[in-house]
Amino acid sequence: MFSNEDVPSFTAIQWFNKGYDYDVKEDYDNAIFAYTKAIELNPQDADAYTNRGAVYDTKLEYDLAITDYTKAIELNPQDADAYTNRGVVYDTTGEYDLAITDYTKAIEINPQHVDSYSYRGNAYLSKGQYDLAISDYDQIIELNPRAVDVYINKICACEKSGHYTSSQIDAVKQKIRDLGGHI
């Protein structure tokens, strides 16, 4: 791995770019190696931690992913994506409360961050907090009224909550059909 490329003349940015290139090619071990080199040369590069965390997440190495996302957040507390990414890992490991906390922070930083609303809505759905899930799905619909998958998630939450009539649910199903989706 990198026998001829591990040269002192590479800058942190060059290692970062190599990491990104390897990540795109799904060569995750080399991506981790390159991001690690970038971090060694510039330990204040929050993006390198975020990207390496994403690779660890892809490799299902969740503890390492969380560690890198946490460091990225420490270095750049206004990075909504780092909070969202860490939330996804928490969500994946069933730590819904921690995930919801991270998604909420991402939304505070960027109220237009549709992915954070979506993930948080899904975490609420997983916890059985259907009204909170519906609220997040409604926020996404307000931001992106053509998001068919969100309407489908909303139907699931509405049906499970028991607070919605069949005609209200049918109206959402019709909206899905109007958008070209299938239910």
N, C-alpha and C. Protein backbone atom coordinates (compact mmCIF):
# COMPACT_ATOMS: atom_id res chain seq x y z
N MET A 1 0.84 -1.18 0.00
CA MET A 1 0.00 0.00 0.00
C MET A 1 0.88 1.24 0.00
N PHE A 2 0.83 2.02 -1.03
CA PHE A 2 1.52 3.30 -1.14
C PHE A 2 3.04 3.22 -1.02
N SER A 3 3.66 2.10 -1.35
CA SER A 3 5.10 1.99 -1.16
C SER A 3 5.87 3.09 -1.89
N ASN A 4 5.42 3.45 -3.07
CA ASN A 4 6.14 4.50 -3.80
C ASN A 4 5.50 5.87 -3.64
N GLU A 5 4.38 5.95 -2.92
CA GLU A 5 3.70 7.23 -2.80
C GLU A 5 3.86 7.87 -1.43
N ASP A 6 4.41 7.14 -0.50
CA ASP A 6 4.56 7.67 0.85
C ASP A 6 5.82 8.54 0.89
N VAL A 7 5.74 9.65 0.24
CA VAL A 7 6.89 10.54 0.13
C VAL A 7 6.63 11.82 0.91
N PRO A 8 7.66 12.38 1.50
CA PRO A 8 7.48 13.57 2.33
C PRO A 8 6.99 14.78 1.54
N SER A 9 7.09 14.75 0.22
CA SER A 9 6.70 15.92 -0.56
C SER A 9 5.19 16.08 -0.69
N PHE A 10 4.42 15.06 -0.35
CA PHE A 10 2.97 15.19 -0.41
C PHE A 10 2.48 16.10 0.71
N THR A 11 1.59 17.01 0.35
CA THR A 11 1.00 17.91 1.33
C THR A 11 -0.26 17.26 1.91
N ALA A 12 -0.77 17.87 2.94
CA ALA A 12 -2.01 17.37 3.56
C ALA A 12 -3.14 17.39 2.53
N ILE A 13 -3.20 18.43 1.76
CA ILE A 13 -4.28 18.53 0.76
C ILE A 13 -4.13 17.47 -0.31
N GLN A 14 -2.90 17.15 -0.69
CA GLN A 14 -2.70 16.09 -1.68
C GLN A 14 -3.11 14.73 -1.12
N TRP A 15 -2.78 14.48 0.13
CA TRP A 15 -3.22 13.23 0.77
C TRP A 15 -4.74 13.19 0.87
N PHE A 16 -5.33 14.32 1.23
CA PHE A 16 -6.79 14.40 1.31
C PHE A 16 -7.40 14.06 -0.05
N ASN A 17 -6.88 14.67 -1.10
CA ASN A 17 -7.40 14.42 -2.45
C ASN A 17 -7.21 12.97 -2.87
N LYS A 18 -6.08 12.37 -2.49
CA LYS A 18 -5.86 10.95 -2.77
C LYS A 18 -6.91 10.12 -2.02
N GLY A 19 -7.14 10.48 -0.78
CA GLY A 19 -8.16 9.77 0.00
C GLY A 19 -9.52 9.83 -0.66
N TYR A 20 -9.86 11.01 -1.12
CA TYR A 20 -11.14 11.19 -1.81
C TYR A 20 -11.20 10.34 -3.08
N ASP A 21 -10.13 10.37 -3.86
CA ASP A 21 -10.10 9.57 -5.09
C ASP A 21 -10.26 8.08 -4.79
N TYR A 22 -9.55 7.60 -3.77
CA TYR A 22 -9.69 6.19 -3.41
C TYR A 22 -11.09 5.88 -2.89
N ASP A 23 -11.64 6.80 -2.15
CA ASP A 23 -13.01 6.61 -1.63
C ASP A 23 -13.99 6.46 -2.78
N VAL A 24 -13.90 7.33 -3.77
CA VAL A 24 -14.78 7.27 -4.94
C VAL A 24 -14.63 5.94 -5.67
N LYS A 25 -13.41 5.42 -5.70
CA LYS A 25 -13.13 4.14 -6.37
C LYS A 25 -13.47 2.94 -5.48
N GLU A 26 -13.99 3.22 -4.28
CA GLU A 26 -14.34 2.20 -3.29
C GLU A 26 -13.13 1.38 -2.84
N ASP A 27 -11.97 2.00 -2.87
CA ASP A 27 -10.74 1.41 -2.34
C ASP A 27 -10.57 1.96 -0.92
N TYR A 28 -11.35 1.42 -0.01
CA TYR A 28 -11.50 2.02 1.30
C TYR A 28 -10.25 1.96 2.17
N ASP A 29 -9.50 0.88 2.08
CA ASP A 29 -8.29 0.80 2.91
C ASP A 29 -7.29 1.88 2.51
N ASN A 30 -7.10 2.08 1.22
CA ASN A 30 -6.20 3.14 0.78
C ASN A 30 -6.77 4.52 1.08
N ALA A 31 -8.09 4.66 1.03
CA ALA A 31 -8.70 5.94 1.39
C ALA A 31 -8.41 6.26 2.85
N ILE A 32 -8.57 5.29 3.72
CA ILE A 32 -8.28 5.50 5.14
C ILE A 32 -6.81 5.88 5.32
N PHE A 33 -5.94 5.15 4.64
CA PHE A 33 -4.51 5.44 4.73
C PHE A 33 -4.22 6.89 4.33
N ALA A 34 -4.77 7.31 3.19
CA ALA A 34 -4.51 8.65 2.69
C ALA A 34 -5.10 9.72 3.61
N TYR A 35 -6.34 9.52 4.08
CA TYR A 35 -6.93 10.49 5.00
C TYR A 35 -6.13 10.56 6.29
N THR A 36 -5.63 9.43 6.75
CA THR A 36 -4.80 9.41 7.97
C THR A 36 -3.53 10.23 7.75
N LYS A 37 -2.91 10.09 6.59
CA LYS A 37 -1.72 10.89 6.28
C LYS A 37 -2.07 12.38 6.26
N ALA A 38 -3.21 12.71 5.67
CA ALA A 38 -3.64 14.11 5.65
C ALA A 38 -3.82 14.64 7.07
N ILE A 39 -4.40 13.84 7.93
CA ILE A 39 -4.62 14.24 9.32
C ILE A 39 -3.30 14.38 10.06
N GLU A 40 -2.35 13.48 9.80
CA GLU A 40 -1.04 13.59 10.44
C GLU A 40 -0.37 14.91 10.08
N LEU A 41 -0.54 15.33 8.83
CA LEU A 41 0.09 16.57 8.38
C LEU A 41 -0.72 17.82 8.77
N ASN A 42 -2.02 17.66 8.93
CA ASN A 42 -2.88 18.78 9.34
C ASN A 42 -3.96 18.26 10.28
N PRO A 43 -3.63 18.12 11.56
CA PRO A 43 -4.59 17.56 12.52
C PRO A 43 -5.81 18.46 12.78
N GLN A 44 -5.84 19.64 12.19
CA GLN A 44 -6.98 20.56 12.37
C GLN A 44 -7.97 20.49 11.19
N ASP A 45 -7.76 19.55 10.28
CA ASP A 45 -8.61 19.43 9.09
C ASP A 45 -9.86 18.61 9.41
N ALA A 46 -10.92 19.32 9.75
CA ALA A 46 -12.18 18.65 10.11
C ALA A 46 -12.72 17.81 8.96
N ASP A 47 -12.55 18.28 7.74
CA ASP A 47 -13.06 17.53 6.58
C ASP A 47 -12.37 16.18 6.42
N ALA A 48 -11.10 16.11 6.74
CA ALA A 48 -10.39 14.83 6.65
C ALA A 48 -10.96 13.84 7.66
N TYR A 49 -11.26 14.31 8.86
CA TYR A 49 -11.89 13.44 9.86
C TYR A 49 -13.29 13.00 9.40
N THR A 50 -14.05 13.95 8.85
CA THR A 50 -15.40 13.62 8.38
C THR A 50 -15.33 12.57 7.27
N ASN A 51 -14.45 12.78 6.31
CA ASN A 51 -14.36 11.84 5.20
C ASN A 51 -13.86 10.47 5.66
N ARG A 52 -12.87 10.46 6.54
CA ARG A 52 -12.38 9.17 7.04
C ARG A 52 -13.47 8.49 7.85
N GLY A 53 -14.24 9.28 8.61
CA GLY A 53 -15.36 8.71 9.35
C GLY A 53 -16.38 8.06 8.42
N ALA A 54 -16.63 8.71 7.29
CA ALA A 54 -17.58 8.14 6.32
C ALA A 54 -17.07 6.81 5.76
N VAL A 55 -15.78 6.72 5.54
CA VAL A 55 -15.20 5.47 5.06
C VAL A 55 -15.33 4.39 6.13
N TYR A 56 -15.01 4.75 7.37
CA TYR A 56 -15.18 3.78 8.46
C TYR A 56 -16.65 3.33 8.55
N ASP A 57 -17.56 4.26 8.39
CA ASP A 57 -18.99 3.92 8.42
C ASP A 57 -19.30 2.92 7.30
N THR A 58 -18.82 3.17 6.11
CA THR A 58 -19.03 2.28 4.98
C THR A 58 -18.48 0.88 5.28
N LYS A 59 -17.37 0.83 5.99
CA LYS A 59 -16.75 -0.46 6.34
C LYS A 59 -17.37 -1.09 7.60
N LEU A 60 -18.44 -0.45 8.11
CA LEU A 60 -19.16 -0.92 9.29
C LEU A 60 -18.30 -0.87 10.56
N GLU A 61 -17.31 -0.01 10.56
CA GLU A 61 -16.45 0.20 11.73
C GLU A 61 -17.00 1.42 12.48
N TYR A 62 -18.11 1.20 13.15
CA TYR A 62 -18.90 2.30 13.69
C TYR A 62 -18.20 3.07 14.80
N ASP A 63 -17.47 2.38 15.68
CA ASP A 63 -16.78 3.10 16.75
C ASP A 63 -15.75 4.08 16.19
N LEU A 64 -15.02 3.64 15.17
CA LEU A 64 -14.03 4.52 14.55
C LEU A 64 -14.71 5.67 13.81
N ALA A 65 -15.83 5.39 13.18
CA ALA A 65 -16.59 6.45 12.50
C ALA A 65 -17.05 7.50 13.50
N ILE A 66 -17.61 7.05 14.61
CA ILE A 66 -18.08 7.99 15.63
C ILE A 66 -16.93 8.82 16.17
N THR A 67 -15.79 8.19 16.40
CA THR A 67 -14.62 8.91 16.90
C THR A 67 -14.21 10.01 15.92
N ASP A 68 -14.18 9.68 14.63
CA ASP A 68 -13.78 10.69 13.64
C ASP A 68 -14.82 11.79 13.50
N TYR A 69 -16.10 11.45 13.48
CA TYR A 69 -17.13 12.49 13.40
C TYR A 69 -17.09 13.39 14.62
N THR A 70 -16.85 12.80 15.78
CA THR A 70 -16.77 13.60 17.00
C THR A 70 -15.60 14.58 16.94
N LYS A 71 -14.47 14.12 16.42
CA LYS A 71 -13.31 15.01 16.27
C LYS A 71 -13.61 16.11 15.25
N ALA A 72 -14.28 15.76 14.16
CA ALA A 72 -14.64 16.76 13.15
C ALA A 72 -15.54 17.83 13.77
N ILE A 73 -16.49 17.40 14.58
CA ILE A 73 -17.40 18.34 15.25
C ILE A 73 -16.64 19.22 16.24
N GLU A 74 -15.69 18.63 16.95
CA GLU A 74 -14.86 19.40 17.88
C GLU A 74 -14.10 20.50 17.13
N LEU A 75 -13.59 20.15 15.95
CA LEU A 75 -12.82 21.11 15.16
C LEU A 75 -13.70 22.12 14.44
N ASN A 76 -14.91 21.70 14.05
CA ASN A 76 -15.82 22.59 13.34
C ASN A 76 -17.24 22.36 13.85
N PRO A 77 -17.60 22.99 14.96
CA PRO A 77 -18.91 22.74 15.57
C PRO A 77 -20.10 23.23 14.74
N GLN A 78 -19.85 23.90 13.63
CA GLN A 78 -20.94 24.37 12.77
C GLN A 78 -21.12 23.50 11.52
N ASP A 79 -20.54 22.31 11.52
CA ASP A 79 -20.64 21.41 10.37
C ASP A 79 -21.86 20.50 10.53
N ALA A 80 -22.96 20.91 9.91
CA ALA A 80 -24.20 20.14 10.01
C ALA A 80 -24.04 18.73 9.48
N ASP A 81 -23.24 18.57 8.43
CA ASP A 81 -23.06 17.23 7.85
C ASP A 81 -22.38 16.28 8.82
N ALA A 82 -21.42 16.76 9.58
CA ALA A 82 -20.73 15.89 10.55
C ALA A 82 -21.72 15.41 11.62
N TYR A 83 -22.60 16.30 12.08
CA TYR A 83 -23.62 15.89 13.04
C TYR A 83 -24.57 14.87 12.41
N THR A 84 -25.00 15.14 11.18
CA THR A 84 -25.91 14.21 10.51
C THR A 84 -25.26 12.86 10.32
N ASN A 85 -24.01 12.86 9.85
CA ASN A 85 -23.32 11.59 9.62
C ASN A 85 -23.16 10.80 10.91
N ARG A 86 -22.80 11.48 12.00
CA ARG A 86 -22.66 10.77 13.27
C ARG A 86 -24.02 10.26 13.72
N GLY A 87 -25.06 11.06 13.49
CA GLY A 87 -26.41 10.62 13.81
C GLY A 87 -26.79 9.35 13.07
N VAL A 88 -26.41 9.27 11.81
CA VAL A 88 -26.71 8.06 11.02
C VAL A 88 -26.06 6.84 11.64
N VAL A 89 -24.82 6.99 12.11
CA VAL A 89 -24.14 5.86 12.74
C VAL A 89 -24.87 5.47 14.03
N TYR A 90 -25.21 6.47 14.84
CA TYR A 90 -25.97 6.16 16.05
C TYR A 90 -27.29 5.48 15.71
N ASP A 91 -27.95 5.97 14.69
CA ASP A 91 -29.22 5.39 14.24
C ASP A 91 -29.01 3.93 13.84
N THR A 92 -27.98 3.68 13.07
CA THR A 92 -27.67 2.33 12.59
C THR A 92 -27.43 1.37 13.74
N THR A 93 -26.84 1.87 14.82
CA THR A 93 -26.53 1.02 15.96
C THR A 93 -27.66 1.01 17.00
N GLY A 94 -28.79 1.62 16.65
CA GLY A 94 -29.96 1.59 17.53
C GLY A 94 -29.94 2.61 18.65
N GLU A 95 -29.02 3.53 18.61
CA GLU A 95 -28.93 4.57 19.64
C GLU A 95 -29.72 5.80 19.17
N TYR A 96 -31.04 5.64 19.15
CA TYR A 96 -31.93 6.63 18.55
C TYR A 96 -31.88 7.98 19.25
N ASP A 97 -31.78 7.98 20.57
CA ASP A 97 -31.75 9.27 21.28
C ASP A 97 -30.51 10.08 20.90
N LEU A 98 -29.36 9.41 20.82
CA LEU A 98 -28.14 10.11 20.40
C LEU A 98 -28.27 10.58 18.96
N ALA A 99 -28.86 9.74 18.12
CA ALA A 99 -29.07 10.12 16.72
C ALA A 99 -29.96 11.35 16.63
N ILE A 100 -31.05 11.34 17.36
CA ILE A 100 -31.99 12.46 17.32
C ILE A 100 -31.31 13.75 17.81
N THR A 101 -30.49 13.64 18.83
CA THR A 101 -29.75 14.81 19.32
C THR A 101 -28.85 15.38 18.23
N ASP A 102 -28.16 14.50 17.51
CA ASP A 102 -27.27 14.98 16.44
C ASP A 102 -28.07 15.57 15.28
N TYR A 103 -29.16 14.92 14.88
CA TYR A 103 -29.98 15.47 13.79
C TYR A 103 -30.55 16.83 14.18
N THR A 104 -30.96 16.94 15.43
CA THR A 104 -31.52 18.22 15.90
C THR A 104 -30.46 19.32 15.84
N LYS A 105 -29.24 19.00 16.23
CA LYS A 105 -28.16 19.99 16.17
C LYS A 105 -27.88 20.38 14.72
N ALA A 106 -27.89 19.41 13.82
CA ALA A 106 -27.67 19.71 12.40
C ALA A 106 -28.76 20.65 11.88
N ILE A 107 -29.99 20.42 12.30
CA ILE A 107 -31.11 21.27 11.89
C ILE A 107 -30.98 22.68 12.48
N GLU A 108 -30.51 22.77 13.72
CA GLU A 108 -30.28 24.09 14.32
C GLU A 108 -29.25 24.87 13.51
N ILE A 109 -28.22 24.18 13.05
CA ILE A 109 -27.16 24.82 12.27
C ILE A 109 -27.68 25.21 10.89
N ASN A 110 -28.43 24.29 10.28
CA ASN A 110 -28.94 24.52 8.93
C ASN A 110 -30.40 24.06 8.85
N PRO A 111 -31.34 24.97 9.08
CA PRO A 111 -32.76 24.61 9.07
C PRO A 111 -33.28 24.10 7.72
N GLN A 112 -32.48 24.22 6.67
CA GLN A 112 -32.87 23.71 5.35
C GLN A 112 -32.29 22.32 5.08
N HIS A 113 -31.66 21.70 6.06
CA HIS A 113 -30.96 20.43 5.90
C HIS A 113 -31.97 19.28 5.86
N VAL A 114 -32.51 19.04 4.68
CA VAL A 114 -33.59 18.08 4.48
C VAL A 114 -33.21 16.69 4.98
N ASP A 115 -31.99 16.25 4.73
CA ASP A 115 -31.59 14.91 5.16
C ASP A 115 -31.72 14.75 6.68
N SER A 116 -31.36 15.79 7.41
CA SER A 116 -31.45 15.69 8.87
C SER A 116 -32.89 15.53 9.34
N TYR A 117 -33.81 16.26 8.71
CA TYR A 117 -35.23 16.08 9.04
C TYR A 117 -35.68 14.66 8.71
N SER A 118 -35.25 14.16 7.57
CA SER A 118 -35.65 12.83 7.14
C SER A 118 -35.14 11.76 8.10
N TYR A 119 -33.85 11.84 8.41
CA TYR A 119 -33.27 10.86 9.33
C TYR A 119 -33.89 10.97 10.72
N ARG A 120 -34.11 12.20 11.17
CA ARG A 120 -34.70 12.37 12.50
C ARG A 120 -36.13 11.83 12.50
N GLY A 121 -36.89 12.12 11.44
CA GLY A 121 -38.24 11.57 11.34
C GLY A 121 -38.23 10.05 11.39
N ASN A 122 -37.29 9.45 10.69
CA ASN A 122 -37.19 7.99 10.70
C ASN A 122 -36.81 7.46 12.08
N ALA A 123 -35.93 8.18 12.78
CA ALA A 123 -35.55 7.77 14.14
C ALA A 123 -36.76 7.87 15.07
N TYR A 124 -37.52 8.96 14.94
CA TYR A 124 -38.75 9.07 15.74
C TYR A 124 -39.70 7.93 15.41
N LEU A 125 -39.83 7.60 14.13
CA LEU A 125 -40.69 6.50 13.71
C LEU A 125 -40.23 5.20 14.36
N SER A 126 -38.92 4.96 14.37
CA SER A 126 -38.37 3.75 14.99
C SER A 126 -38.65 3.70 16.49
N LYS A 127 -38.69 4.87 17.12
CA LYS A 127 -38.97 4.94 18.57
C LYS A 127 -40.46 4.92 18.89
N GLY A 128 -41.30 4.95 17.85
CA GLY A 128 -42.74 4.97 18.09
C GLY A 128 -43.27 6.35 18.42
N GLN A 129 -42.49 7.39 18.15
CA GLN A 129 -42.92 8.77 18.39
C GLN A 129 -43.46 9.32 17.06
N TYR A 130 -44.64 8.85 16.73
CA TYR A 130 -45.21 9.06 15.40
C TYR A 130 -45.53 10.53 15.10
N ASP A 131 -46.05 11.24 16.08
CA ASP A 131 -46.39 12.64 15.83
C ASP A 131 -45.15 13.48 15.54
N LEU A 132 -44.05 13.18 16.24
CA LEU A 132 -42.80 13.89 15.98
C LEU A 132 -42.26 13.53 14.59
N ALA A 133 -42.39 12.26 14.22
CA ALA A 133 -41.97 11.83 12.89
C ALA A 133 -42.78 12.56 11.83
N ILE A 134 -44.09 12.61 12.02
CA ILE A 134 -44.96 13.29 11.05
C ILE A 134 -44.59 14.76 10.94
N SER A 135 -44.28 15.39 12.05
CA SER A 135 -43.87 16.80 12.03
C SER A 135 -42.62 16.99 11.17
N ASP A 136 -41.65 16.09 11.33
CA ASP A 136 -40.44 16.19 10.50
C ASP A 136 -40.75 15.92 9.04
N TYR A 137 -41.59 14.94 8.76
CA TYR A 137 -41.95 14.66 7.37
C TYR A 137 -42.68 15.85 6.75
N ASP A 138 -43.53 16.50 7.53
CA ASP A 138 -44.22 17.69 7.02
C ASP A 138 -43.22 18.81 6.71
N GLN A 139 -42.20 18.93 7.54
CA GLN A 139 -41.17 19.96 7.29
C GLN A 139 -40.44 19.67 5.98
N ILE A 140 -40.13 18.40 5.74
CA ILE A 140 -39.46 18.04 4.49
C ILE A 140 -40.37 18.36 3.30
N ILE A 141 -41.63 18.00 3.43
CA ILE A 141 -42.59 18.26 2.35
C ILE A 141 -42.67 19.75 2.05
N GLU A 142 -42.60 20.55 3.10
CA GLU A 142 -42.60 22.00 2.90
C GLU A 142 -41.36 22.45 2.12
N LEU A 143 -40.22 21.83 2.43
CA LEU A 143 -38.98 22.19 1.76
C LEU A 143 -38.86 21.56 0.37
N ASN A 144 -39.44 20.36 0.21
CA ASN A 144 -39.35 19.64 -1.06
C ASN A 144 -40.65 18.87 -1.29
N PRO A 145 -41.66 19.54 -1.84
CA PRO A 145 -42.99 18.93 -1.99
C PRO A 145 -43.04 17.73 -2.95
N ARG A 146 -41.96 17.44 -3.64
CA ARG A 146 -41.96 16.32 -4.59
C ARG A 146 -41.26 15.08 -4.04
N ALA A 147 -40.95 15.06 -2.76
CA ALA A 147 -40.22 13.95 -2.14
C ALA A 147 -41.18 12.78 -1.85
N VAL A 148 -41.38 11.94 -2.85
CA VAL A 148 -42.35 10.85 -2.77
C VAL A 148 -42.07 9.94 -1.58
N ASP A 149 -40.82 9.59 -1.34
CA ASP A 149 -40.50 8.67 -0.25
C ASP A 149 -40.92 9.23 1.11
N VAL A 150 -40.90 10.54 1.25
CA VAL A 150 -41.31 11.17 2.51
C VAL A 150 -42.81 10.98 2.73
N TYR A 151 -43.59 11.11 1.67
CA TYR A 151 -45.04 10.88 1.78
C TYR A 151 -45.30 9.43 2.21
N ILE A 152 -44.54 8.52 1.68
CA ILE A 152 -44.70 7.11 2.05
C ILE A 152 -44.39 6.91 3.53
N ASN A 153 -43.29 7.52 4.00
CA ASN A 153 -42.96 7.44 5.43
C ASN A 153 -44.05 8.09 6.28
N LYS A 154 -44.60 9.19 5.77
CA LYS A 154 -45.65 9.89 6.51
C LYS A 154 -46.88 8.99 6.64
N ILE A 155 -47.24 8.29 5.58
CA ILE A 155 -48.39 7.37 5.66
C ILE A 155 -48.17 6.33 6.74
N CYS A 156 -46.98 5.77 6.76
CA CYS A 156 -46.65 4.75 7.78
C CYS A 156 -46.84 5.34 9.18
N ALA A 157 -46.30 6.53 9.41
CA ALA A 157 -46.42 7.16 10.73
C ALA A 157 -47.87 7.50 11.05
N CYS A 158 -48.61 7.98 10.06
CA CYS A 158 -50.02 8.32 10.27
C CYS A 158 -50.84 7.09 10.65
N GLU A 159 -50.61 6.01 9.94
CA GLU A 159 -51.34 4.77 10.23
C GLU A 159 -51.01 4.25 11.62
N LYS A 160 -49.74 4.30 11.99
CA LYS A 160 -49.33 3.79 13.30
C LYS A 160 -49.77 4.69 14.44
N SER A 161 -49.89 5.98 14.18
CA SER A 161 -50.25 6.91 15.25
C SER A 161 -51.70 6.75 15.69
N GLY A 162 -52.55 6.39 14.73
CA GLY A 162 -53.97 6.26 15.04
C GLY A 162 -54.70 7.59 15.15
N HIS A 163 -54.01 8.69 14.86
CA HIS A 163 -54.62 10.02 14.96
C HIS A 163 -55.16 10.55 13.64
N TYR A 164 -55.10 9.74 12.61
CA TYR A 164 -55.48 10.22 11.29
C TYR A 164 -56.59 9.34 10.73
N THR A 165 -57.52 9.98 10.06
CA THR A 165 -58.64 9.25 9.47
C THR A 165 -58.18 8.60 8.17
N SER A 166 -58.96 7.66 7.72
CA SER A 166 -58.62 7.00 6.46
C SER A 166 -58.67 8.00 5.30
N SER A 167 -59.56 8.99 5.38
CA SER A 167 -59.61 9.98 4.29
C SER A 167 -58.36 10.86 4.29
N GLN A 168 -57.81 11.17 5.46
CA GLN A 168 -56.57 11.94 5.50
C GLN A 168 -55.41 11.12 4.91
N ILE A 169 -55.38 9.85 5.25
CA ILE A 169 -54.34 8.97 4.73
C ILE A 169 -54.52 8.78 3.22
N ASP A 170 -55.77 8.64 2.79
CA ASP A 170 -56.04 8.51 1.35
C ASP A 170 -55.58 9.75 0.58
N ALA A 171 -55.70 10.92 1.19
CA ALA A 171 -55.26 12.16 0.54
C ALA A 171 -53.74 12.14 0.32
N VAL A 172 -53.02 11.61 1.30
CA VAL A 172 -51.57 11.51 1.15
C VAL A 172 -51.24 10.48 0.07
N LYS A 173 -51.95 9.38 0.04
CA LYS A 173 -51.73 8.37 -1.00
C LYS A 173 -51.99 8.95 -2.38
N GLN A 174 -53.02 9.78 -2.49
CA GLN A 174 -53.32 10.41 -3.78
C GLN A 174 -52.19 11.34 -4.20
N LYS A 175 -51.63 12.05 -3.23
CA LYS A 175 -50.51 12.94 -3.53
C LYS A 175 -49.33 12.14 -4.09
N ILE A 176 -49.09 10.97 -3.54
CA ILE A 176 -48.02 10.10 -4.04
C ILE A 176 -48.28 9.72 -5.48
N ARG A 177 -49.52 9.31 -5.77
CA ARG A 177 -49.89 8.96 -7.14
C ARG A 177 -49.75 10.17 -8.07
N ASP A 178 -50.15 11.35 -7.60
CA ASP A 178 -50.04 12.56 -8.40
C ASP A 178 -48.58 12.87 -8.76
N LEU A 179 -47.69 12.50 -7.87
CA LEU A 179 -46.26 12.74 -8.11
C LEU A 179 -45.60 11.63 -8.92
N GLY A 180 -46.41 10.63 -9.31
CA GLY A 180 -45.86 9.53 -10.12
C GLY A 180 -45.34 8.38 -9.30
N GLY A 181 -45.57 8.41 -8.00
CA GLY A 181 -45.12 7.33 -7.14
C GLY A 181 -46.15 6.22 -7.05
N HIS A 182 -45.75 5.14 -6.44
CA HIS A 182 -46.64 3.98 -6.28
C HIS A 182 -46.78 3.65 -4.81
N ILE A 183 -48.01 3.34 -4.45
CA ILE A 183 -48.29 2.95 -3.07
C ILE A 183 -49.19 1.74 -3.04
